[in-house]
PDB file of N, CA and C in Angstrom:
ATOM      1  N   MET A   1       1.047  -1.243   0.292  1.00  0.00           N
ATOM      2  CA  MET A   1       0.079   0.197   0.030  1.00  0.00           C
ATOM      3  C   MET A   1       1.020   1.513   0.584  1.00  0.00           C
ATOM      4  N   THR A   2       1.665   1.228   0.877  1.00  0.00           N
ATOM      5  CA  THR A   2       3.445   2.403   0.615  1.00  0.00           C
ATOM      6  C   THR A   2       3.430   3.166  -0.512  1.00  0.00           C
ATOM      7  N   VAL A   3       3.582   1.950  -1.154  1.00  0.00           N
ATOM      8  CA  VAL A   3       4.429   1.920  -2.894  1.00  0.00           C
ATOM      9  C   VAL A   3       3.975   2.672  -3.511  1.00  0.00           C
ATOM     10  N   ALA A   4       2.588   1.861  -3.629  1.00  0.00           N
ATOM     11  CA  ALA A   4       1.096   2.431  -4.028  1.00  0.00           C
ATOM     12  C   ALA A   4       1.000   3.902  -4.017  1.00  0.00           C
ATOM     13  N   LEU A   5       0.627   4.609  -2.666  1.00  0.00           N
ATOM     14  CA  LEU A   5       1.086   6.109  -2.721  1.00  0.00           C
ATOM     15  C   LEU A   5       1.750   6.900  -3.221  1.00  0.00           C
ATOM     16  N   LEU A   6       3.249   6.191  -2.486  1.00  0.00           N
ATOM     17  CA  LEU A   6       4.192   6.801  -3.034  1.00  0.00           C
ATOM     18  C   LEU A   6       3.856   7.440  -4.684  1.00  0.00           C
ATOM     19  N   ILE A   7       3.945   5.836  -5.341  1.00  0.00           N
ATOM     20  CA  ILE A   7       3.130   5.676  -6.743  1.00  0.00           C
ATOM     21  C   ILE A   7       1.876   7.269  -7.367  1.00  0.00           C
ATOM     22  N   VAL A   8       1.588   7.396  -6.834  1.00  0.00           N
ATOM     23  CA  VAL A   8       0.782   8.087  -6.693  1.00  0.00           C
ATOM     24  C   VAL A   8       0.733   9.142  -7.053  1.00  0.00           C
ATOM     25  N   PHE A   9       1.903   9.833  -6.056  1.00  0.00           N
ATOM     26  CA  PHE A   9       2.007  11.640  -5.350  1.00  0.00           C
ATOM     27  C   PHE A   9       3.188  11.846  -6.027  1.00  0.00           C
ATOM     28  N   LEU A  10       3.673  10.952  -7.149  1.00  0.00           N
ATOM     29  CA  LEU A  10       4.959  10.944  -7.682  1.00  0.00           C
ATOM     30  C   LEU A  10       4.640  10.934  -8.445  1.00  0.00           C
ATOM     31  N   ARG A  11       2.993  10.610  -9.178  1.00  0.00           N
ATOM     32  CA  ARG A  11       2.439  10.872 -10.842  1.00  0.00           C
ATOM     33  C   ARG A  11       1.535  12.365 -10.249  1.00  0.00           C
ATOM     34  N   MET A  12       1.785  13.138  -9.651  1.00  0.00           N
ATOM     35  CA  MET A  12       0.286  14.100  -9.037  1.00  0.00           C
ATOM     36  C   MET A  12       0.967  15.216 -10.055  1.00  0.00           C
ATOM     37  N   PRO A  13       1.096  16.409 -10.302  1.00  0.00           N
ATOM     38  CA  PRO A  13       1.411  17.288 -11.404  1.00  0.00           C
ATOM     39  C   PRO A  13       2.015  18.789 -10.128  1.00  0.00           C
ATOM     40  N   GLY A  14       2.616  18.544 -11.095  1.00  0.00           N
ATOM     41  CA  GLY A  14       3.198  19.722 -10.204  1.00  0.00           C
ATOM     42  C   GLY A  14       4.163  19.581  -9.265  1.00  0.00           C
ATOM     43  N   ARG A  15       4.567  18.089  -9.370  1.00  0.00           N
ATOM     44  CA  ARG A  15       5.421  17.102  -7.654  1.00  0.00           C
ATOM     45  C   ARG A  15       6.824  16.556  -8.422  1.00  0.00           C
ATOM     46  N   ALA A  16       7.415  17.360  -7.779  1.00  0.00           N
ATOM     47  CA  ALA A  16       9.075  17.527  -8.018  1.00  0.00           C
ATOM     48  C   ALA A  16       9.172  15.660  -8.298  1.00  0.00           C
ATOM     49  N   ILE A  17      10.309  14.688  -9.103  1.00  0.00           N
ATOM     50  CA  ILE A  17      10.230  13.429  -8.348  1.00  0.00           C
ATOM     51  C   ILE A  17      11.524  13.549  -7.784  1.00  0.00           C
ATOM     52  N   PRO A  18      11.608  11.934  -6.091  1.00  0.00           N
ATOM     53  CA  PRO A  18      12.719  13.255  -5.672  1.00  0.00           C
ATOM     54  C   PRO A  18      14.123  12.365  -6.940  1.00  0.00           C
ATOM     55  N   LYS A  19      15.470  12.671  -7.002  1.00  0.00           N
ATOM     56  CA  LYS A  19      16.812  12.814  -6.473  1.00  0.00           C
ATOM     57  C   LYS A  19      16.592  11.219  -6.254  1.00  0.00           C
ATOM     58  N   VAL A  20      17.497  10.337  -7.656  1.00  0.00           N
ATOM     59  CA  VAL A  20      17.678   9.230  -6.592  1.00  0.00           C
ATOM     60  C   VAL A  20      19.051   8.812  -7.446  1.00  0.00           C
ATOM     61  N   ASP A  21      20.601   8.843  -6.609  1.00  0.00           N
ATOM     62  CA  ASP A  21      21.306   8.448  -7.003  1.00  0.00           C
ATOM     63  C   ASP A  21      22.158   6.714  -7.610  1.00  0.00           C
ATOM     64  N   PHE A  22      22.906   6.929  -8.597  1.00  0.00           N
ATOM     65  CA  PHE A  22      23.621   4.986  -8.620  1.00  0.00           C
ATOM     66  C   PHE A  22      23.556   4.363  -7.434  1.00  0.00           C
ATOM     67  N   ARG A  23      23.759   4.763  -6.712  1.00  0.00           N
ATOM     68  CA  ARG A  23      24.283   4.473  -4.979  1.00  0.00           C
ATOM     69  C   ARG A  23      23.364   3.721  -4.764  1.00  0.00           C
ATOM     70  N   THR A  24      22.405   4.385  -4.778  1.00  0.00           N
ATOM     71  CA  THR A  24      20.937   3.573  -3.949  1.00  0.00           C
ATOM     72  C   THR A  24      20.488   2.307  -4.510  1.00  0.00           C
ATOM     73  N   VAL A  25      20.192   2.693  -5.949  1.00  0.00           N
ATOM     74  CA  VAL A  25      20.392   1.423  -7.376  1.00  0.00           C
ATOM     75  C   VAL A  25      20.787  -0.005  -6.872  1.00  0.00           C
ATOM     76  N   ARG A  26      21.893   0.758  -7.083  1.00  0.00           N
ATOM     77  CA  ARG A  26      23.333  -0.345  -7.174  1.00  0.00           C
ATOM     78  C   ARG A  26      22.954  -1.594  -6.742  1.00  0.00           C
ATOM     79  N   PRO A  27      22.880  -1.283  -5.032  1.00  0.00           N
ATOM     80  CA  PRO A  27      22.800  -3.121  -4.448  1.00  0.00           C
ATOM     81  C   PRO A  27      21.242  -3.673  -5.056  1.00  0.00           C
ATOM     82  N   ILE A  28      20.329  -3.184  -5.115  1.00  0.00           N
ATOM     83  CA  ILE A  28      18.766  -3.531  -6.278  1.00  0.00           C
ATOM     84  C   ILE A  28      20.176  -4.724  -6.944  1.00  0.00           C
ATOM     85  N   PHE A  29      20.502  -4.186  -8.398  1.00  0.00           N
ATOM     86  CA  PHE A  29      21.472  -4.630  -9.280  1.00  0.00           C
ATOM     87  C   PHE A  29      22.552  -5.856  -8.757  1.00  0.00           C
ATOM     88  N   GLU A  30      22.930  -5.527  -7.791  1.00  0.00           N
ATOM     89  CA  GLU A  30      23.949  -6.420  -7.365  1.00  0.00           C
ATOM     90  C   GLU A  30      22.963  -6.794  -6.424  1.00  0.00           C
ATOM     91  N   GLN A  31      22.542  -7.529  -6.104  1.00  0.00           N
ATOM     92  CA  GLN A  31      20.975  -8.597  -5.579  1.00  0.00           C
ATOM     93  C   GLN A  31      20.512  -9.725  -6.737  1.00  0.00           C
ATOM     94  N   ARG A  32      20.511  -8.793  -7.971  1.00  0.00           N
ATOM     95  CA  ARG A  32      19.494  -9.327  -8.607  1.00  0.00           C
ATOM     96  C   ARG A  32      20.187  -9.879  -9.833  1.00  0.00           C
ATOM     97  N   CYS A  33      20.817  -9.433  -9.799  1.00  0.00           N
ATOM     98  CA  CYS A  33      21.702  -9.454 -11.581  1.00  0.00           C
ATOM     99  C   CYS A  33      23.688 -10.085 -11.399  1.00  0.00           C
ATOM    100  N   GLN A  34      23.660 -10.849 -10.428  1.00  0.00           N
ATOM    101  CA  GLN A  34      25.558 -11.001 -10.265  1.00  0.00           C
ATOM    102  C   GLN A  34      25.008 -12.976 -10.548  1.00  0.00           C
ATOM    103  N   PRO A  35      26.601 -13.086 -10.512  1.00  0.00           N
ATOM    104  CA  PRO A  35      27.830 -12.644 -10.975  1.00  0.00           C
ATOM    105  C   PRO A  35      27.839 -12.290 -12.051  1.00  0.00           C
ATOM    106  N   CYS A  36      26.490 -12.178 -12.962  1.00  0.00           N
ATOM    107  CA  CYS A  36      26.894 -12.039 -14.886  1.00  0.00           C
ATOM    108  C   CYS A  36      27.483 -10.632 -15.135  1.00  0.00           C
ATOM    109  N   HIS A  37      26.731  -9.966 -14.360  1.00  0.00           N
ATOM    110  CA  HIS A  37      25.948  -8.554 -15.119  1.00  0.00           C
ATOM    111  C   HIS A  37      27.509  -7.748 -14.284  1.00  0.00           C
ATOM    112  N   PHE A  38      28.353  -8.382 -13.628  1.00  0.00           N
ATOM    113  CA  PHE A  38      29.378  -8.047 -12.555  1.00  0.00           C
ATOM    114  C   PHE A  38      30.610  -8.388 -12.792  1.00  0.00           C
ATOM    115  N   ALA A  39      31.607  -7.242 -12.320  1.00  0.00           N
ATOM    116  CA  ALA A  39      33.384  -8.131 -13.768  1.00  0.00           C
ATOM    117  C   ALA A  39      33.061  -8.988 -12.707  1.00  0.00           C
ATOM    118  N   GLY A  40      33.665 -10.070 -14.213  1.00  0.00           N
ATOM    119  CA  GLY A  40      33.873 -11.673 -14.201  1.00  0.00           C
ATOM    120  C   GLY A  40      32.902 -12.796 -14.578  1.00  0.00           C
ATOM    121  N   GLY A  41      31.599 -11.993 -14.485  1.00  0.00           N
ATOM    122  CA  GLY A  41      30.781 -12.169 -14.886  1.00  0.00           C
ATOM    123  C   GLY A  41      29.941 -11.950 -17.102  1.00  0.00           C
ATOM    124  N   LYS A  42      28.872 -13.517 -17.167  1.00  0.00           N
ATOM    125  CA  LYS A  42      29.794 -13.122 -18.643  1.00  0.00           C
ATOM    126  C   LYS A  42      28.448 -12.978 -19.165  1.00  0.00           C
ATOM    127  N   MET A  43      28.458 -11.449 -19.111  1.00  0.00           N
ATOM    128  CA  MET A  43      27.776 -10.333 -19.476  1.00  0.00           C
ATOM    129  C   MET A  43      27.758  -8.776 -19.851  1.00  0.00           C
ATOM    130  N   TYR A  44      29.139  -9.167 -18.582  1.00  0.00           N
ATOM    131  CA  TYR A  44      29.655  -7.848 -17.883  1.00  0.00           C
ATOM    132  C   TYR A  44      30.342  -7.757 -19.940  1.00  0.00           C
ATOM    133  N   GLN A  45      30.631  -7.774 -20.509  1.00  0.00           N
ATOM    134  CA  GLN A  45      31.692  -6.490 -21.482  1.00  0.00           C
ATOM    135  C   GLN A  45      30.684  -5.805 -22.157  1.00  0.00           C
ATOM    136  N   ARG A  46      29.136  -7.185 -22.187  1.00  0.00           N
ATOM    137  CA  ARG A  46      28.617  -6.508 -22.991  1.00  0.00           C
ATOM    138  C   ARG A  46      27.141  -5.560 -22.318  1.00  0.00           C
ATOM    139  N   LEU A  47      27.131  -5.811 -21.370  1.00  0.00           N
ATOM    140  CA  LEU A  47      25.740  -5.255 -20.524  1.00  0.00           C
ATOM    141  C   LEU A  47      26.880  -5.178 -18.738  1.00  0.00           C
ATOM    142  N   PRO A  48      27.917  -4.269 -18.366  1.00  0.00           N
ATOM    143  CA  PRO A  48      28.274  -3.824 -17.044  1.00  0.00           C
ATOM    144  C   PRO A  48      27.173  -3.273 -16.329  1.00  0.00           C
ATOM    145  N   PHE A  49      26.094  -3.578 -15.291  1.00  0.00           N
ATOM    146  CA  PHE A  49      25.811  -3.011 -14.007  1.00  0.00           C
ATOM    147  C   PHE A  49      26.275  -2.376 -12.847  1.00  0.00           C
ATOM    148  N   ASP A  50      27.753  -2.718 -13.272  1.00  0.00           N
ATOM    149  CA  ASP A  50      28.230  -1.172 -11.845  1.00  0.00           C
ATOM    150  C   ASP A  50      28.412  -0.034 -12.898  1.00  0.00           C
ATOM    151  N   ARG A  51      27.658   0.091 -13.979  1.00  0.00           N
ATOM    152  CA  ARG A  51      28.272   0.987 -14.697  1.00  0.00           C
ATOM    153  C   ARG A  51      26.708   2.347 -15.073  1.00  0.00           C
ATOM    154  N   PRO A  52      26.707   3.275 -14.498  1.00  0.00           N
ATOM    155  CA  PRO A  52      25.191   3.854 -13.971  1.00  0.00           C
ATOM    156  C   PRO A  52      24.504   3.923 -15.765  1.00  0.00           C
ATOM    157  N   GLU A  53      25.541   4.243 -17.023  1.00  0.00           N
ATOM    158  CA  GLU A  53      24.504   4.867 -17.795  1.00  0.00           C
ATOM    159  C   GLU A  53      24.659   3.262 -18.375  1.00  0.00           C
ATOM    160  N   THR A  54      25.299   1.839 -18.720  1.00  0.00           N
ATOM    161  CA  THR A  54      24.592   1.397 -19.619  1.00  0.00           C
ATOM    162  C   THR A  54      22.596   0.849 -18.459  1.00  0.00           C
ATOM    163  N   ILE A  55      22.465   1.042 -17.301  1.00  0.00           N
ATOM    164  CA  ILE A  55      20.871   0.800 -16.782  1.00  0.00           C
ATOM    165  C   ILE A  55      20.135   2.187 -17.267  1.00  0.00           C
ATOM    166  N   VAL A  56      20.944   3.098 -18.052  1.00  0.00           N
ATOM    167  CA  VAL A  56      20.049   4.244 -17.798  1.00  0.00           C
ATOM    168  C   VAL A  56      20.498   4.202 -20.187  1.00  0.00           C
ATOM    169  N   LYS A  57      20.904   3.265 -19.933  1.00  0.00           N
ATOM    170  CA  LYS A  57      20.989   2.920 -21.803  1.00  0.00           C
ATOM    171  C   LYS A  57      19.173   1.848 -21.575  1.00  0.00           C
ATOM    172  N   LEU A  58      19.332   0.964 -21.175  1.00  0.00           N
ATOM    173  CA  LEU A  58      18.616  -0.141 -20.741  1.00  0.00           C
ATOM    174  C   LEU A  58      17.111   0.325 -20.677  1.00  0.00           C
ATOM    175  N   GLY A  59      17.060   1.084 -19.489  1.00  0.00           N
ATOM    176  CA  GLY A  59      15.756   2.367 -18.612  1.00  0.00           C
ATOM    177  C   GLY A  59      15.025   0.455 -18.163  1.00  0.00           C
ATOM    178  N   THR A  60      13.856   0.975 -19.071  1.00  0.00           N
ATOM    179  CA  THR A  60      13.128  -0.337 -17.605  1.00  0.00           C
ATOM    180  C   THR A  60      12.588  -1.905 -18.337  1.00  0.00           C
ATOM    181  N   LYS A  61      13.972  -2.179 -19.119  1.00  0.00           N
ATOM    182  CA  LYS A  61      14.207  -3.305 -20.099  1.00  0.00           C
ATOM    183  C   LYS A  61      14.815  -3.958 -18.394  1.00  0.00           C
ATOM    184  N   VAL A  62      15.517  -3.405 -17.740  1.00  0.00           N
ATOM    185  CA  VAL A  62      16.673  -3.744 -16.326  1.00  0.00           C
ATOM    186  C   VAL A  62      15.416  -5.208 -15.866  1.00  0.00           C
ATOM    187  N   PHE A  63      13.645  -4.325 -15.488  1.00  0.00           N
ATOM    188  CA  PHE A  63      12.840  -5.175 -14.823  1.00  0.00           C
ATOM    189  C   PHE A  63      12.658  -6.502 -15.433  1.00  0.00           C
ATOM    190  N   THR A  64      13.141  -7.409 -16.192  1.00  0.00           N
ATOM    191  CA  THR A  64      13.176  -8.462 -16.374  1.00  0.00           C
ATOM    192  C   THR A  64      13.511  -9.647 -15.519  1.00  0.00           C
ATOM    193  N   ARG A  65      13.889  -9.034 -15.077  1.00  0.00           N
ATOM    194  CA  ARG A  65      14.814  -9.430 -13.834  1.00  0.00           C
ATOM    195  C   ARG A  65      14.716  -9.191 -12.058  1.00  0.00           C
ATOM    196  N   ILE A  66      13.856  -7.864 -12.133  1.00  0.00           N
ATOM    197  CA  ILE A  66      13.639  -7.102 -10.896  1.00  0.00           C
ATOM    198  C   ILE A  66      12.467  -6.938 -11.171  1.00  0.00           C
ATOM    199  N   ARG A  67      11.384  -7.757 -10.438  1.00  0.00           N
ATOM    200  CA  ARG A  67       9.978  -7.093 -10.538  1.00  0.00           C
ATOM    201  C   ARG A  67       9.164  -6.850  -9.299  1.00  0.00           C
ATOM    202  N   ASP A  68       9.502  -6.088  -8.054  1.00  0.00           N
ATOM    203  CA  ASP A  68       9.590  -5.485  -7.012  1.00  0.00           C
ATOM    204  C   ASP A  68       9.035  -4.500  -6.833  1.00  0.00           C
ATOM    205  N   GLU A  69       8.195  -3.857  -6.797  1.00  0.00           N
ATOM    206  CA  GLU A  69       7.698  -3.083  -6.943  1.00  0.00           C
ATOM    207  C   GLU A  69       8.634  -1.920  -6.489  1.00  0.00           C
ATOM    208  N   LYS A  70       8.302  -1.603  -5.425  1.00  0.00           N
ATOM    209  CA  LYS A  70       9.631  -0.394  -4.343  1.00  0.00           C
ATOM    210  C   LYS A  70      10.381  -0.290  -5.341  1.00  0.00           C
ATOM    211  N   SER A  71      11.155  -1.954  -5.181  1.00  0.00           N
ATOM    212  CA  SER A  71      12.960  -1.458  -6.718  1.00  0.00           C
ATOM    213  C   SER A  71      12.318  -1.161  -8.085  1.00  0.00           C
ATOM    214  N   GLN A  72      11.688  -1.468  -8.361  1.00  0.00           N
ATOM    215  CA  GLN A  72      11.204  -0.139  -9.435  1.00  0.00           C
ATOM    216  C   GLN A  72      11.261   0.470  -9.064  1.00  0.00           C
ATOM    217  N   THR A  73       9.846   1.081  -7.906  1.00  0.00           N
ATOM    218  CA  THR A  73      10.052   2.615  -7.965  1.00  0.00           C
ATOM    219  C   THR A  73      11.356   3.153  -8.485  1.00  0.00           C
ATOM    220  N   LEU A  74      12.063   3.113  -7.560  1.00  0.00           N
ATOM    221  CA  LEU A  74      13.652   3.462  -7.105  1.00  0.00           C
ATOM    222  C   LEU A  74      14.284   3.925  -8.622  1.00  0.00           C
ATOM    223  N   ILE A  75      14.350   2.361  -8.308  1.00  0.00           N
ATOM    224  CA  ILE A  75      14.297   2.625 -10.280  1.00  0.00           C
ATOM    225  C   ILE A  75      14.251   3.574 -10.912  1.00  0.00           C
ATOM    226  N   ARG A  76      13.091   3.615 -10.821  1.00  0.00           N
ATOM    227  CA  ARG A  76      12.593   4.618 -12.873  1.00  0.00           C
ATOM    228  C   ARG A  76      12.952   6.360 -11.692  1.00  0.00           C
ATOM    229  N   GLN A  77      12.518   6.581 -10.281  1.00  0.00           N
ATOM    230  CA  GLN A  77      13.718   7.495  -9.717  1.00  0.00           C
ATOM    231  C   GLN A  77      14.501   7.669 -10.381  1.00  0.00           C
ATOM    232  N   PHE A  78      15.765   6.761 -10.363  1.00  0.00           N
ATOM    233  CA  PHE A  78      17.171   6.773 -10.328  1.00  0.00           C
ATOM    234  C   PHE A  78      17.260   7.125 -12.243  1.00  0.00           C
ATOM    235  N   LEU A  79      16.138   6.847 -13.139  1.00  0.00           N
ATOM    236  CA  LEU A  79      16.160   7.347 -14.351  1.00  0.00           C
ATOM    237  C   LEU A  79      15.336   8.192 -14.823  1.00  0.00           C
ATOM    238  N   ALA A  80      14.843   8.367 -13.941  1.00  0.00           N
ATOM    239  CA  ALA A  80      14.019  10.228 -14.748  1.00  0.00           C
ATOM    240  C   ALA A  80      15.634  11.247 -13.555  1.00  0.00           C
ATOM    241  N   SER A  81      16.013  10.467 -13.140  1.00  0.00           N
ATOM    242  CA  SER A  81      16.746  12.217 -12.088  1.00  0.00           C
ATOM    243  C   SER A  81      18.185  11.914 -13.147  1.00  0.00           C
ATOM    244  N   ALA A  82      18.470  10.609 -14.201  1.00  0.00           N
ATOM    245  CA  ALA A  82      19.544  10.709 -14.491  1.00  0.00           C
ATOM    246  C   ALA A  82      19.300  11.376 -15.850  1.00  0.00           C
ATOM    247  N   LYS A  83      18.628  12.280 -16.485  1.00  0.00           N
ATOM    248  CA  LYS A  83      18.168  12.322 -17.895  1.00  0.00           C
ATOM    249  C   LYS A  83      18.338  14.227 -18.041  1.00  0.00           C
TER     250      LYS A  83
END
């Protein structure tokens, strides 16, 4: 319920989206996307998830493995902040 209220609040006109730094969302990727997308992993060369520009480039496509609403909300905030 709390996440739903946060999403509604964020979508209200005139409300600024809170700035979210990459350091806030990186642990989500470390938990869900390791070892493949981090140093030494088989996908690291093509899609290194320890670099914010990779996440920005992929956008919401990263939600393939990240289905938790709270995590998705934080990532959306990061993506909006990165623009």
